[in-house]
Protein backbone atom coordinates (compact mmCIF):
# COMPACT_ATOMS: atom_id res chain seq x y z
CA UNK A 1 0.00 0.00 0.00
CA UNK A 2 1.03 3.59 -0.48
CA UNK A 3 -0.25 7.03 0.37
CA UNK A 4 -1.00 10.40 -1.20
CA UNK A 5 1.62 13.02 -0.40
CA UNK A 6 0.82 16.72 -0.90
CA UNK A 7 3.61 18.31 -2.95
CA UNK A 8 2.01 21.69 -3.70
CA UNK A 9 -0.85 23.63 -2.14
CA UNK A 10 -1.52 27.28 -2.89
CA UNK A 11 -3.74 29.77 -4.70
CA UNK A 12 -3.54 29.81 -8.48
CA UNK A 13 -5.76 32.17 -10.48
CA UNK A 14 -8.10 32.77 -7.53
CA UNK A 15 -8.64 29.05 -6.88
CA UNK A 16 -7.09 26.79 -4.26
CA UNK A 17 -4.98 24.05 -5.85
CA UNK A 18 -3.77 20.94 -4.04
CA UNK A 19 -1.35 18.70 -5.96
CA UNK A 20 -0.76 15.22 -4.55
CA UNK A 21 1.56 12.44 -5.70
CA UNK A 22 0.93 8.80 -4.87
CA UNK A 23 3.88 7.19 -3.14
CA UNK A 24 3.87 3.43 -3.18
CA UNK A 25 5.86 1.40 -0.68
CA UNK A 26 7.01 -0.72 -3.65
CA UNK A 27 8.76 2.33 -5.14
CA UNK A 28 11.22 2.34 -2.24
CA UNK A 29 12.23 -1.28 -2.83
CA UNK A 30 12.71 -1.20 -6.58
CA UNK A 31 13.46 1.38 -9.22
CA UNK A 32 10.40 2.46 -11.11
CA UNK A 33 10.74 4.32 -14.39
CA UNK A 34 7.04 5.15 -14.59
CA UNK A 35 5.85 8.72 -14.22
CA UNK A 36 4.31 9.60 -10.86
CA UNK A 37 0.59 9.14 -10.28
CA UNK A 38 -0.91 12.55 -9.55
CA UNK A 39 -4.18 13.97 -8.27
CA UNK A 40 -5.13 17.65 -8.37
CA UNK A 41 -8.01 19.14 -6.43
CA UNK A 42 -9.21 22.62 -7.37
CA UNK A 43 -11.53 24.46 -4.98
CA UNK A 44 -12.91 27.98 -4.82
CA UNK A 45 -11.22 30.40 -2.42
CA UNK A 46 -13.24 31.40 0.64
CA UNK A 47 -14.26 34.95 -0.17
CA UNK A 48 -15.92 35.94 3.07
CA UNK A 49 -13.96 38.68 4.84
CA UNK A 50 -14.20 37.01 8.25
CA UNK A 51 -12.72 33.76 6.99
CA UNK A 52 -9.73 35.49 5.39
CA UNK A 53 -8.93 37.41 8.59
CA UNK A 54 -9.06 34.26 10.72
CA UNK A 55 -6.63 32.57 8.35
CA UNK A 56 -4.05 35.31 8.84
CA UNK A 57 -4.87 36.97 5.50
CA UNK A 58 -3.71 33.87 3.63
CA UNK A 59 -6.33 32.56 1.21
CA UNK A 60 -7.78 29.23 2.21
CA UNK A 61 -10.07 26.83 0.41
CA UNK A 62 -13.75 27.37 1.04
CA UNK A 63 -15.07 25.05 3.72
CA UNK A 64 -18.32 23.22 4.05
CA UNK A 65 -20.83 21.82 1.64
CA UNK A 66 -20.42 24.62 -0.91
CA UNK A 67 -16.73 23.80 -1.36
CA UNK A 68 -17.52 20.12 -1.86
CA UNK A 69 -20.09 21.04 -4.49
CA UNK A 70 -17.66 23.33 -6.34
CA UNK A 71 -14.38 21.42 -6.03
CA UNK A 72 -12.94 19.52 -8.95
CA UNK A 73 -10.60 16.53 -8.67
CA UNK A 74 -8.43 15.61 -11.63
CA UNK A 75 -6.88 12.14 -11.84
CA UNK A 76 -5.10 12.12 -15.20
CA UNK A 77 -3.93 8.80 -16.62
CA UNK A 78 -0.52 10.36 -17.22
CA UNK A 79 1.22 13.50 -15.95
CA UNK A 80 1.49 14.59 -19.59
CA UNK A 81 -2.33 14.86 -19.66
CA UNK A 82 -2.54 17.05 -16.56
CA UNK A 83 -1.79 20.35 -18.29
CA UNK A 84 -4.56 19.81 -20.83
CA UNK A 85 -7.04 18.84 -18.10
CA UNK A 86 -6.20 21.96 -16.09
CA UNK A 87 -6.83 24.14 -19.16
CA UNK A 88 -10.15 22.34 -19.71
CA UNK A 89 -11.33 23.32 -16.19
CA UNK A 90 -10.51 26.99 -16.82
CA UNK A 91 -6.83 27.62 -16.01
CA UNK A 92 -4.73 29.67 -18.39
CA UNK A 93 -1.96 27.79 -20.25
CA UNK A 94 0.62 29.61 -18.11
CA UNK A 95 -1.06 28.59 -14.84
CA UNK A 96 -1.46 24.99 -16.05
CA UNK A 97 2.25 24.86 -16.93
CA UNK A 98 3.11 26.30 -13.49
CA UNK A 99 1.05 23.66 -11.67
CA UNK A 100 2.50 20.79 -13.74
CA UNK A 101 6.02 22.09 -13.02
CA UNK A 102 5.39 21.32 -9.32
CA UNK A 103 5.15 17.56 -10.03
CA UNK A 104 8.39 15.98 -8.80
CA UNK A 105 10.48 14.51 -11.59
């Protein structure tokens, strides 16, 4: 078994982006030439003034049922497909390239 490890989490184009890479226990025991398995979750930023102040003026993902309704999870078959999927959900090509650059090589 393995686990999802968060490798990037921040605001990109007014949306909260969490990039995770799956780390398998098998990867530690043998060399694997395959590209990493990635998952990206995109959620709206909490825009209520009170929430931003409580978070120390750092944007945070919206909480509660509304965030669950509006969040998008991308599980591309290959890292090479991630950039295209990010553009499809509304990111600019520059932002999509930036997010993909955070995937460890």
